[in-house]
Amino acid sequence: MPSKLADLIRKARRLAAERDRLIDSLAEDWARALRGQGLSRADLDELWAGLTEDAVRRGREADDGTWTAQAWRHEAREVIARVRQKVEAALDER
């Protein structure tokens, strides 16, 4: 049993690292796309809200029944919040 637990821990760490890389890449893409667009904070708030709603909707559509709607919402909000933080920090640098 201990080796199975160790395997699960390694897998969880690998998946978390991959998720972090994907979030970083997505944030870089968004920052590049939004830089110089002259968007206000209200515009950005609307953008992030729309992206969150879309992620929740798409997640529920693609779900195979293993996640609850609440879990999808939580995950989508968490990921979008992380992307938003990185994008807005990058936009504030310039």
Protein backbone atom coordinates (compact mmCIF):
# COMPACT_ATOMS: atom_id res chain seq x y z
CA MET A 1 0.00 0.00 0.00
CA PRO A 2 2.75 2.55 0.74
CA SER A 3 4.08 2.34 -2.82
CA LYS A 4 0.60 3.06 -4.18
CA LEU A 5 0.36 6.13 -1.94
CA ALA A 6 3.79 7.29 -3.11
CA ASP A 7 2.70 6.80 -6.74
CA LEU A 8 -0.42 8.86 -6.15
CA ILE A 9 1.59 11.64 -4.51
CA ARG A 10 4.03 11.71 -7.45
CA LYS A 11 1.14 11.80 -9.90
CA ALA A 12 -0.55 14.64 -8.02
CA ARG A 13 2.68 16.64 -7.99
CA ARG A 14 3.23 16.02 -11.70
CA LEU A 15 -0.33 17.12 -12.52
CA ALA A 16 0.00 20.22 -10.34
CA ALA A 17 3.26 21.15 -12.06
CA GLU A 18 1.66 20.68 -15.49
CA ARG A 19 -1.31 22.81 -14.44
CA ASP A 20 1.06 25.56 -13.27
CA ARG A 21 2.92 25.48 -16.60
CA LEU A 22 -0.36 25.71 -18.52
CA ILE A 23 -1.54 28.65 -16.39
CA ASP A 24 1.78 30.45 -16.93
CA SER A 25 1.60 29.89 -20.68
CA LEU A 26 -2.01 31.01 -20.88
CA ALA A 27 -1.25 34.13 -18.83
CA GLU A 28 1.64 35.02 -21.14
CA ASP A 29 -0.62 34.64 -24.18
CA TRP A 30 -3.35 36.81 -22.64
CA ALA A 31 -0.88 39.47 -21.49
CA ARG A 32 0.60 39.66 -24.99
CA ALA A 33 -2.88 39.91 -26.53
CA LEU A 34 -4.14 42.56 -24.10
CA ARG A 35 -1.02 44.73 -23.91
CA GLY A 36 -1.58 48.09 -25.54
CA GLN A 37 -5.34 47.62 -25.96
CA GLY A 38 -6.17 50.47 -23.59
CA LEU A 39 -8.61 48.42 -21.53
CA SER A 40 -9.95 49.88 -18.31
CA ARG A 41 -10.22 47.96 -15.05
CA ALA A 42 -13.95 47.63 -15.72
CA ASP A 43 -13.20 46.14 -19.13
CA LEU A 44 -10.82 43.64 -17.57
CA ASP A 45 -13.35 42.79 -14.85
CA GLU A 46 -15.89 42.02 -17.56
CA LEU A 47 -13.38 39.95 -19.50
CA TRP A 48 -12.49 37.79 -16.48
CA ALA A 49 -16.14 37.34 -15.51
CA GLY A 50 -16.99 36.26 -19.05
CA LEU A 51 -14.06 33.86 -19.22
CA THR A 52 -15.07 32.33 -15.91
CA GLU A 53 -18.67 31.86 -17.03
CA ASP A 54 -17.51 30.31 -20.29
CA ALA A 55 -15.08 27.96 -18.52
CA VAL A 56 -17.82 26.80 -16.14
CA ARG A 57 -20.25 26.21 -19.01
CA ARG A 58 -17.70 24.35 -21.14
CA GLY A 59 -16.57 22.29 -18.18
CA ARG A 60 -20.08 21.13 -17.43
CA GLU A 61 -20.65 20.27 -21.10
CA ALA A 62 -17.46 18.21 -21.25
CA ASP A 63 -17.98 16.58 -17.86
CA ASP A 64 -18.28 12.82 -17.77
CA GLY A 65 -20.19 12.95 -14.51
CA THR A 66 -17.19 12.77 -12.21
CA TRP A 67 -17.33 16.43 -11.15
CA THR A 68 -20.18 18.30 -9.55
CA ALA A 69 -21.26 21.69 -10.89
CA GLN A 70 -19.89 23.22 -7.71
CA ALA A 71 -16.50 21.57 -8.27
CA TRP A 72 -16.38 22.87 -11.87
CA ARG A 73 -17.23 26.40 -10.71
CA HIS A 74 -14.58 26.27 -8.00
CA GLU A 75 -11.88 24.99 -10.35
CA ALA A 76 -12.76 27.49 -13.09
CA ARG A 77 -12.74 30.41 -10.66
CA GLU A 78 -9.42 29.33 -9.19
CA VAL A 79 -7.71 28.93 -12.55
CA ILE A 80 -9.10 32.19 -13.98
CA ALA A 81 -8.11 34.02 -10.79
CA ARG A 82 -4.54 32.76 -11.13
CA VAL A 83 -4.38 33.70 -14.80
CA ARG A 84 -5.90 37.10 -14.04
CA GLN A 85 -3.36 37.82 -11.31
CA LYS A 86 -0.46 37.01 -13.61
CA VAL A 87 -1.87 38.91 -16.59
CA GLU A 88 -2.68 42.04 -14.62
CA ALA A 89 0.77 41.97 -12.99
CA ALA A 90 2.35 41.73 -16.43
CA LEU A 91 0.19 44.56 -17.77
CA ASP A 92 1.05 46.76 -14.77
CA GLU A 93 4.79 46.26 -15.41
CA ARG A 94 4.67 48.34 -18.57
